[in-house]
Amino acid sequence: MSKQRRKKSNPPKSDNLKRLYYILGSLAFIVAFTIFFVIGDYGLYQIYLLNKQKQSLNNSLVELKMEQDSLAQEKARLENDLAYIEKLARERYRMAKKGEKVFRVVEKQGNAN
């Protein structure tokens, strides 16, 4: 009987040890997975940040293309449209044709009525 008891008591210890190794191995795998795939250089967080930066750069690119198109239209108007050139000369540079007089309107500062 004493031999049977010893045999029965040894397997639970080895089962507990196997279970402990299994738990520690699983925990080590989870920690390694977290470090490499979530936090690391090619981890999920880094990929999220890169996608966010890519989206921001794409938005900037769209805005710059729109600005480039408007500048190209402005250039074409300045090269071809004489009426537009005259309008700019009058508004921006206060130029006038021969015989015209340019009047400057000054608003009073204190009288807001």
Protein backbone atom coordinates (compact mmCIF):
# COMPACT_ATOMS: atom_id res chain seq x y z
CA MET A 1 0.00 0.00 0.00
CA SER A 2 2.73 2.38 0.77
CA LYS A 3 4.12 1.89 -2.73
CA GLN A 4 0.74 2.69 -4.24
CA ARG A 5 0.45 5.87 -2.25
CA ARG A 6 3.86 7.05 -3.34
CA LYS A 7 3.03 6.40 -6.97
CA LYS A 8 -0.20 8.30 -6.68
CA SER A 9 1.44 11.27 -4.96
CA ASN A 10 4.21 11.66 -7.56
CA PRO A 11 1.99 12.11 -10.65
CA PRO A 12 0.10 15.11 -9.20
CA LYS A 13 3.43 16.87 -8.58
CA SER A 14 4.54 16.26 -12.15
CA ASP A 15 1.11 17.30 -13.43
CA ASN A 16 1.35 20.52 -11.41
CA LEU A 17 4.85 21.09 -12.76
CA LYS A 18 3.66 20.49 -16.34
CA ARG A 19 0.77 22.86 -15.77
CA LEU A 20 3.15 25.49 -14.37
CA TYR A 21 5.44 25.13 -17.41
CA TYR A 22 2.43 25.38 -19.70
CA ILE A 23 1.22 28.55 -17.98
CA LEU A 24 4.70 30.13 -17.95
CA GLY A 25 5.23 29.21 -21.60
CA SER A 26 1.87 30.69 -22.57
CA LEU A 27 2.62 33.83 -20.57
CA ALA A 28 6.05 34.17 -22.20
CA PHE A 29 4.45 33.76 -25.63
CA ILE A 30 1.84 36.45 -24.87
CA VAL A 31 4.52 38.84 -23.61
CA ALA A 32 6.70 38.20 -26.68
CA PHE A 33 3.69 38.64 -28.97
CA THR A 34 2.82 41.93 -27.28
CA ILE A 35 6.36 43.25 -27.53
CA PHE A 36 6.91 42.30 -31.17
CA PHE A 37 3.50 42.85 -32.71
CA VAL A 38 1.93 45.60 -30.65
CA ILE A 39 4.71 47.77 -29.26
CA GLY A 40 7.66 47.06 -31.59
CA ASP A 41 8.84 48.94 -34.69
CA TYR A 42 6.35 47.12 -36.91
CA GLY A 43 3.68 46.86 -34.25
CA LEU A 44 0.05 47.81 -34.48
CA TYR A 45 0.54 51.16 -32.75
CA GLN A 46 3.36 52.12 -35.09
CA ILE A 47 1.25 51.10 -38.10
CA TYR A 48 -1.62 53.22 -36.74
CA LEU A 49 0.67 56.24 -36.41
CA LEU A 50 2.06 55.74 -39.91
CA ASN A 51 -1.44 55.49 -41.40
CA LYS A 52 -2.45 58.67 -39.58
CA GLN A 53 0.64 60.46 -40.92
CA LYS A 54 -0.08 59.14 -44.43
CA GLN A 55 -3.64 60.48 -44.27
CA SER A 56 -2.38 63.88 -43.12
CA LEU A 57 0.15 63.99 -45.97
CA ASN A 58 -2.52 63.01 -48.49
CA ASN A 59 -4.74 65.84 -47.25
CA SER A 60 -1.86 68.28 -47.58
CA LEU A 61 -1.17 66.98 -51.08
CA VAL A 62 -4.77 67.58 -52.13
CA GLU A 63 -4.66 71.15 -50.76
CA LEU A 64 -1.38 71.85 -52.53
CA LYS A 65 -2.73 70.51 -55.83
CA MET A 66 -5.76 72.79 -55.51
CA GLU A 67 -3.47 75.75 -54.82
CA GLN A 68 -1.30 74.81 -57.79
CA ASP A 69 -4.37 74.68 -60.06
CA SER A 70 -5.58 78.09 -58.89
CA LEU A 71 -2.10 79.56 -59.45
CA ALA A 72 -1.99 78.04 -62.95
CA GLN A 73 -5.38 79.65 -63.70
CA GLU A 74 -4.11 82.98 -62.34
CA LYS A 75 -1.02 82.71 -64.53
CA ALA A 76 -3.11 81.95 -67.61
CA ARG A 77 -5.35 84.96 -66.90
CA LEU A 78 -2.33 87.22 -66.44
CA GLU A 79 -0.86 86.04 -69.75
CA ASN A 80 -4.06 86.31 -71.83
CA ASP A 81 -6.78 88.44 -70.21
CA LEU A 82 -6.12 92.17 -70.70
CA ALA A 83 -9.27 93.20 -68.82
CA TYR A 84 -8.11 91.21 -65.78
CA ILE A 85 -4.67 92.81 -65.95
CA GLU A 86 -6.27 96.27 -66.09
CA LYS A 87 -8.53 95.46 -63.14
CA LEU A 88 -5.54 94.33 -61.05
CA ALA A 89 -3.57 97.43 -62.01
CA ARG A 90 -6.41 99.68 -60.91
CA GLU A 91 -7.21 97.85 -57.66
CA ARG A 92 -3.79 96.86 -56.40
CA TYR A 93 -1.54 99.55 -57.77
CA ARG A 94 -4.02 102.46 -58.05
CA MET A 95 -3.16 103.08 -61.66
CA ALA A 96 -5.34 105.12 -63.97
CA LYS A 97 -5.69 105.67 -67.70
CA LYS A 98 -4.65 108.96 -69.28
CA GLY A 99 -7.12 111.65 -68.44
CA GLU A 100 -8.67 109.78 -65.49
CA LYS A 101 -8.52 111.04 -61.97
CA VAL A 102 -8.23 108.69 -59.02
CA PHE A 103 -10.09 109.72 -55.90
CA ARG A 104 -9.16 108.29 -52.59
CA VAL A 105 -12.00 107.82 -50.11
CA VAL A 106 -11.01 108.09 -46.47
CA GLU A 107 -13.49 107.04 -43.82
CA LYS A 108 -13.62 108.88 -40.53
CA GLN A 109 -12.44 106.84 -37.57
CA GLY A 110 -14.68 108.32 -34.86
CA ASN A 111 -17.98 108.45 -36.73
CA ALA A 112 -19.40 104.94 -37.00
CA ASN A 113 -23.02 105.97 -37.76
